[in-house]
Amino acid sequence: EGEVRVVVAYHNFSACSCEISVATFHPRPLNREVLRDLFSYPFGQCGLRRIHSVVKVTNAKSLELTAKLGLKVEGYVKHWYPDCDGIFHGMMREDCKWL
């Protein structure tokens, strides 16, 4: 229908991982096809072993979305953001249920 529903940025690449940032513009932005494509790029096309994301501890909607995507909490990062801490999430390729 020509509307932007989700924007995904892959950044901070290393030999085996990258960071992923997701912005949604629709109440129901993600379906199975979008999720397959979202994870196929880092795990399939780039051949990475893991992805990660850091979310503000104060951003409840992003924390909920990150959990729904299947990323697991790996730790807390003090002063990651100027105004609060971050929660570090990660996912290994073999744990991705969307591929």
Protein backbone atom coordinates (compact mmCIF):
# COMPACT_ATOMS: atom_id res chain seq x y z
CA GLU A 1 0.00 0.00 0.00
CA GLY A 2 3.07 2.22 -0.12
CA GLU A 3 3.27 3.08 3.58
CA VAL A 4 6.42 2.70 5.67
CA ARG A 5 5.73 0.25 8.47
CA VAL A 6 9.21 -0.45 9.80
CA VAL A 7 12.77 0.76 9.33
CA VAL A 8 15.71 -1.45 10.28
CA ALA A 9 19.32 -0.27 10.59
CA TYR A 10 22.23 -2.68 10.87
CA HIS A 11 25.38 -1.02 12.22
CA ASN A 12 28.53 -1.51 14.31
CA PHE A 13 29.57 -4.57 12.29
CA SER A 14 32.36 -6.84 13.46
CA ALA A 15 33.64 -10.11 12.01
CA CYS A 16 30.83 -12.10 13.64
CA SER A 17 28.10 -9.67 14.76
CA CYS A 18 26.27 -6.41 14.24
CA GLU A 19 23.92 -4.15 16.13
CA ILE A 20 20.31 -3.88 14.98
CA SER A 21 17.97 -0.92 15.50
CA VAL A 22 14.28 -1.13 14.64
CA ALA A 23 11.78 1.74 14.34
CA THR A 24 8.10 1.02 13.75
CA PHE A 25 5.46 3.36 12.40
CA HIS A 26 2.43 1.09 12.48
CA PRO A 27 0.59 -0.65 15.33
CA ARG A 28 1.19 -4.07 13.72
CA PRO A 29 4.37 -3.54 11.69
CA LEU A 30 5.84 -7.02 11.63
CA ASN A 31 4.54 -10.15 9.97
CA ARG A 32 6.36 -13.43 9.37
CA GLU A 33 7.64 -12.34 5.95
CA VAL A 34 9.07 -9.08 7.30
CA LEU A 35 10.69 -10.92 10.22
CA ARG A 36 12.26 -13.49 7.88
CA ASP A 37 13.72 -10.68 5.78
CA LEU A 38 14.85 -8.74 8.85
CA PHE A 39 16.89 -11.68 10.15
CA SER A 40 17.94 -13.11 6.77
CA TYR A 41 20.19 -10.13 6.08
CA PRO A 42 22.55 -10.40 9.08
CA PHE A 43 22.42 -14.18 9.48
CA GLY A 44 22.08 -15.31 5.86
CA GLN A 45 23.47 -12.69 3.54
CA CYS A 46 26.20 -11.38 5.87
CA GLY A 47 26.87 -14.76 7.48
CA LEU A 48 27.04 -13.31 11.00
CA ARG A 49 26.87 -15.50 14.06
CA ARG A 50 25.00 -13.06 16.32
CA ILE A 51 23.15 -9.76 16.46
CA HIS A 52 22.66 -7.43 19.38
CA SER A 53 20.70 -4.35 20.43
CA VAL A 54 20.84 -1.88 23.30
CA VAL A 55 17.54 -0.41 24.51
CA LYS A 56 16.92 2.39 27.01
CA VAL A 57 15.69 1.02 30.34
CA THR A 58 12.92 3.63 30.14
CA ASN A 59 11.60 2.56 26.72
CA ALA A 60 8.94 -0.03 27.56
CA LYS A 61 7.61 -0.36 23.99
CA SER A 62 11.08 -1.06 22.56
CA LEU A 63 11.82 -3.54 25.33
CA GLU A 64 8.56 -5.36 24.52
CA LEU A 65 9.34 -5.40 20.77
CA THR A 66 12.88 -6.64 21.39
CA ALA A 67 11.53 -9.53 23.46
CA LYS A 68 8.93 -10.39 20.78
CA LEU A 69 11.69 -10.49 18.16
CA GLY A 70 13.42 -13.11 20.29
CA LEU A 71 16.48 -11.22 21.50
CA LYS A 72 17.47 -12.18 25.05
CA VAL A 73 18.70 -9.90 27.81
CA GLU A 74 22.46 -10.34 28.20
CA GLY A 75 23.21 -7.49 30.58
CA TYR A 76 22.76 -3.94 31.75
CA VAL A 77 25.02 -1.12 30.60
CA LYS A 78 25.48 1.79 33.01
CA HIS A 79 25.26 5.26 31.43
CA TRP A 80 24.90 3.92 27.86
CA TYR A 81 22.62 6.86 27.10
CA PRO A 82 23.05 10.42 28.38
CA ASP A 83 19.89 10.19 30.47
CA CYS A 84 19.69 6.52 31.49
CA ASP A 85 21.16 3.03 31.39
CA GLY A 86 20.78 0.52 28.57
CA ILE A 87 19.75 -3.11 28.44
CA PHE A 88 21.95 -5.21 26.15
CA HIS A 89 20.10 -7.91 24.16
CA GLY A 90 21.53 -10.56 21.87
CA MET A 91 20.53 -13.38 19.56
CA MET A 92 22.61 -16.20 18.12
CA ARG A 93 21.87 -17.35 14.56
CA GLU A 94 20.96 -20.84 15.75
CA ASP A 95 18.37 -19.39 18.15
CA CYS A 96 16.53 -17.32 15.52
CA LYS A 97 13.03 -18.74 15.06
CA TRP A 98 12.24 -16.52 12.06
CA LEU A 99 14.55 -18.15 9.54
